[in-house]
Amino acid sequence: MSTIHTWPSTRDFHPVSFTWGVRDNSRSFVSELSGAMQTMSLPGTRWAVLMEINNQAPDARARVEGFLTRIRQANRIEMHRLDRPRPIGTIALNGVTLAATASAFASTVSLSGCGASTTMQAGSMIGIGGQLLMVAQDATANGSGQMTVQLTHALRAQHPSGSPVVLSRPTAKWILKSGDIDFPRYKTIATPLALELVEAF
């Protein structure tokens, strides 16, 4: 059984570059007769991260090596989006919940407790039931603090009304794309280390 380890917040683990991506699960079919194309959107789209840890002293790189060698592909990393830890906008960071039951495969959710007339910009990250989600378009709460939010990904499971919504450092579970890891070094310096992570669920 895999063990979950939180991505460390110490300076040794701060990437010098960080690329956020998506790994689509859609399918496309092209007719051999007419050339017409049909596309099908399927559940299972995943987030992906490319990051690079800069040159380090050997002692600092040793801590990174110890963490990653323990992870490999057998275990999981719990990590928020490092370059966007909080929503963009004025929405409350605490006390936000689902205003109504959100069905599995829904791409719209209703939130309560957001604060009257607060905002959340497209591209903001939120967490519902352990799933890391991105806001698809700008949203504004009404005078009662309720906000309807469009999502870029469908929910993987149903969540009842009143379920908490995580807005500060919402996390996902990650796996290294490859369990084979090389730790480069030149003379007395540990040189840049590139990592690729994909969401695991």
Protein backbone atom coordinates (compact mmCIF):
# COMPACT_ATOMS: atom_id res chain seq x y z
CA MET A 1 0.00 0.00 0.00
CA SER A 2 1.35 3.43 -0.93
CA THR A 3 2.31 6.00 1.72
CA ILE A 4 1.54 9.71 1.30
CA HIS A 5 4.33 12.21 2.02
CA THR A 6 3.83 15.98 2.08
CA TRP A 7 6.11 17.99 -0.22
CA PRO A 8 8.50 19.78 2.16
CA SER A 9 8.22 23.55 2.53
CA THR A 10 11.89 24.12 3.35
CA ARG A 11 14.13 26.12 1.02
CA ASP A 12 15.89 22.99 -0.28
CA PHE A 13 12.65 21.98 -2.02
CA HIS A 14 11.77 25.34 -3.62
CA PRO A 15 11.95 24.91 -7.41
CA VAL A 16 13.67 27.55 -9.51
CA SER A 17 11.18 26.88 -12.32
CA PHE A 18 7.66 25.48 -12.14
CA THR A 19 5.44 24.54 -15.08
CA TRP A 20 1.78 23.64 -14.54
CA GLY A 21 0.10 21.39 -17.10
CA VAL A 22 -2.86 19.17 -17.88
CA ARG A 23 -2.90 15.66 -19.31
CA ASP A 24 -6.12 15.35 -21.27
CA ASN A 25 -8.12 12.13 -21.50
CA SER A 26 -10.19 13.09 -24.55
CA ARG A 27 -10.34 10.92 -27.66
CA SER A 28 -10.57 11.94 -31.32
CA PHE A 29 -11.65 9.86 -34.30
CA VAL A 30 -11.13 10.77 -37.96
CA SER A 31 -13.27 9.14 -40.64
CA GLU A 32 -11.19 7.40 -43.31
CA LEU A 33 -13.91 8.18 -45.87
CA SER A 34 -14.86 11.80 -45.27
CA GLY A 35 -12.03 13.03 -43.04
CA ALA A 36 -14.61 14.34 -40.55
CA MET A 37 -13.40 14.43 -36.97
CA GLN A 38 -15.35 13.50 -33.84
CA THR A 39 -14.11 14.08 -30.32
CA MET A 40 -15.14 12.51 -27.03
CA SER A 41 -14.41 13.91 -23.58
CA LEU A 42 -13.77 11.20 -20.99
CA PRO A 43 -13.26 11.38 -17.21
CA GLY A 44 -9.74 11.04 -15.96
CA THR A 45 -7.98 14.23 -17.03
CA ARG A 46 -4.98 14.78 -14.75
CA TRP A 47 -2.82 17.66 -13.62
CA ALA A 48 0.90 17.56 -14.30
CA VAL A 49 3.90 19.50 -12.99
CA LEU A 50 7.37 20.04 -14.41
CA MET A 51 9.81 21.56 -11.96
CA GLU A 52 13.52 22.17 -11.69
CA ILE A 53 15.51 22.39 -8.48
CA ASN A 54 18.52 24.64 -8.96
CA ASN A 55 22.19 24.09 -8.15
CA GLN A 56 22.63 23.05 -4.53
CA ALA A 57 25.34 22.31 -2.03
CA PRO A 58 25.78 18.57 -1.50
CA ASP A 59 24.16 18.61 1.96
CA ALA A 60 21.03 20.33 0.65
CA ARG A 61 20.75 17.99 -2.35
CA ALA A 62 21.13 15.01 0.00
CA ARG A 63 17.82 15.94 1.67
CA VAL A 64 16.12 16.09 -1.73
CA GLU A 65 17.62 12.74 -2.70
CA GLY A 66 16.39 11.14 0.52
CA PHE A 67 12.83 12.38 -0.01
CA LEU A 68 12.55 11.45 -3.69
CA THR A 69 14.24 8.06 -3.33
CA ARG A 70 11.67 7.16 -0.71
CA ILE A 71 8.83 8.27 -3.00
CA ARG A 72 9.90 6.66 -6.32
CA GLN A 73 6.64 5.38 -7.93
CA ALA A 74 5.58 3.29 -4.96
CA ASN A 75 4.42 6.22 -2.83
CA ARG A 76 2.59 9.51 -3.26
CA ILE A 77 3.36 13.19 -2.75
CA GLU A 78 0.73 15.55 -1.35
CA MET A 79 1.34 19.02 -2.76
CA HIS A 80 -0.55 22.22 -3.54
CA ARG A 81 0.08 24.32 -6.61
CA LEU A 82 3.32 25.98 -5.53
CA ASP A 83 2.99 29.04 -7.77
CA ARG A 84 -0.67 29.72 -6.86
CA PRO A 85 -1.37 28.72 -3.26
CA ARG A 86 -4.54 30.83 -2.86
CA PRO A 87 -7.42 31.96 -5.10
CA ILE A 88 -7.13 35.17 -7.07
CA GLY A 89 -9.83 37.50 -5.79
CA THR A 90 -11.52 38.53 -2.55
CA ILE A 91 -13.30 35.28 -1.62
CA ALA A 92 -13.05 34.21 2.04
CA LEU A 93 -10.34 31.62 2.64
CA ASN A 94 -12.13 29.89 5.51
CA GLY A 95 -15.66 28.67 6.17
CA VAL A 96 -16.64 28.11 2.52
CA THR A 97 -18.82 25.05 1.89
CA LEU A 98 -20.96 23.56 -0.87
CA ALA A 99 -24.35 25.28 -0.92
CA ALA A 100 -25.99 22.23 -2.58
CA THR A 101 -25.11 18.63 -3.35
CA ALA A 102 -22.60 18.42 -6.19
CA SER A 103 -23.09 15.36 -8.39
CA ALA A 104 -20.33 13.22 -9.81
CA PHE A 105 -19.20 14.53 -13.23
CA ALA A 106 -20.65 17.99 -12.48
CA SER A 107 -18.64 20.91 -13.82
CA THR A 108 -20.54 23.60 -11.88
CA VAL A 109 -20.72 23.95 -8.09
CA SER A 110 -22.54 26.36 -5.80
CA LEU A 111 -20.59 27.70 -2.82
CA SER A 112 -21.76 29.41 0.36
CA GLY A 113 -19.87 31.39 2.99
CA CYS A 114 -17.81 33.22 0.36
CA GLY A 115 -18.57 36.68 1.70
CA ALA A 116 -21.00 39.19 0.21
CA SER A 117 -20.07 40.33 -3.31
CA THR A 118 -16.63 38.71 -3.15
CA THR A 119 -14.87 37.50 -6.28
CA MET A 120 -12.80 34.57 -7.55
CA GLN A 121 -10.91 34.82 -10.82
CA ALA A 122 -10.59 32.18 -13.51
CA GLY A 123 -7.50 30.06 -12.96
CA SER A 124 -7.91 29.96 -9.18
CA MET A 125 -7.46 26.56 -7.53
CA ILE A 126 -9.92 25.05 -5.04
CA GLY A 127 -10.20 21.68 -3.34
CA ILE A 128 -13.36 19.59 -2.91
CA GLY A 129 -13.23 16.14 -1.35
CA GLY A 130 -9.52 15.79 -2.02
CA GLN A 131 -9.83 16.73 -5.71
CA LEU A 132 -7.82 19.73 -6.92
CA LEU A 133 -9.94 21.85 -9.27
CA MET A 134 -9.47 24.98 -11.36
CA VAL A 135 -12.04 27.76 -11.78
CA ALA A 136 -12.96 28.13 -15.47
CA GLN A 137 -14.33 31.69 -15.46
CA ASP A 138 -14.57 34.70 -13.16
CA ALA A 139 -17.24 34.38 -10.47
CA THR A 140 -18.89 36.87 -8.09
CA ALA A 141 -20.85 36.05 -4.94
CA ASN A 142 -24.30 37.50 -4.33
CA GLY A 143 -25.24 39.57 -1.30
CA SER A 144 -25.71 36.40 0.75
CA GLY A 145 -22.21 35.13 0.02
CA GLN A 146 -23.26 32.42 -2.42
CA MET A 147 -21.22 31.92 -5.57
CA THR A 148 -21.74 29.72 -8.64
CA VAL A 149 -18.43 28.41 -9.92
CA GLN A 150 -17.67 26.85 -13.31
CA LEU A 151 -14.88 24.24 -13.23
CA THR A 152 -12.42 23.15 -15.90
CA HIS A 153 -12.59 19.51 -14.71
CA ALA A 154 -15.63 17.42 -13.80
CA LEU A 155 -15.98 16.18 -10.24
CA ARG A 156 -14.89 12.57 -9.82
CA ALA A 157 -17.41 11.86 -7.03
CA GLN A 158 -20.60 13.22 -5.49
CA HIS A 159 -20.27 15.56 -2.50
CA PRO A 160 -23.14 16.49 -0.15
CA SER A 161 -24.30 19.98 0.70
CA GLY A 162 -22.17 21.45 3.47
CA SER A 163 -18.96 19.73 2.36
CA PRO A 164 -15.94 21.95 3.05
CA VAL A 165 -14.19 23.71 0.17
CA VAL A 166 -10.45 24.22 0.60
CA LEU A 167 -9.19 27.56 -0.69
CA SER A 168 -5.82 27.97 1.02
CA ARG A 169 -3.23 25.56 -0.39
CA PRO A 170 -5.64 22.93 -1.72
CA THR A 171 -3.66 19.78 -2.52
CA ALA A 172 -3.62 16.83 -4.88
CA LYS A 173 -1.85 13.49 -4.69
CA TRP A 174 1.09 13.14 -7.10
CA ILE A 175 3.32 10.40 -8.42
CA LEU A 176 6.69 10.69 -10.13
CA LYS A 177 6.23 10.02 -13.83
CA SER A 178 9.19 7.67 -13.64
CA GLY A 179 10.61 5.86 -10.66
CA ASP A 180 14.08 6.10 -12.23
CA ILE A 181 15.76 9.21 -10.82
CA ASP A 182 19.26 10.52 -11.58
CA PHE A 183 20.84 13.09 -9.27
CA PRO A 184 23.41 15.09 -11.30
CA ARG A 185 26.55 16.55 -9.80
CA TYR A 186 29.56 18.43 -11.17
CA LYS A 187 32.60 18.58 -8.92
CA THR A 188 31.36 19.96 -5.59
CA ILE A 189 27.99 21.25 -6.85
CA ALA A 190 24.74 19.33 -7.24
CA THR A 191 23.55 20.61 -10.62
CA PRO A 192 19.90 21.30 -11.64
CA LEU A 193 17.46 18.46 -11.07
CA ALA A 194 14.38 18.18 -13.35
CA LEU A 195 11.26 16.41 -12.08
CA GLU A 196 7.94 15.52 -13.68
CA LEU A 197 4.93 14.70 -11.53
CA VAL A 198 1.45 13.57 -12.59
CA GLU A 199 -1.71 13.59 -10.51
CA ALA A 200 -2.58 10.23 -8.96
CA PHE A 201 -6.10 9.20 -7.93
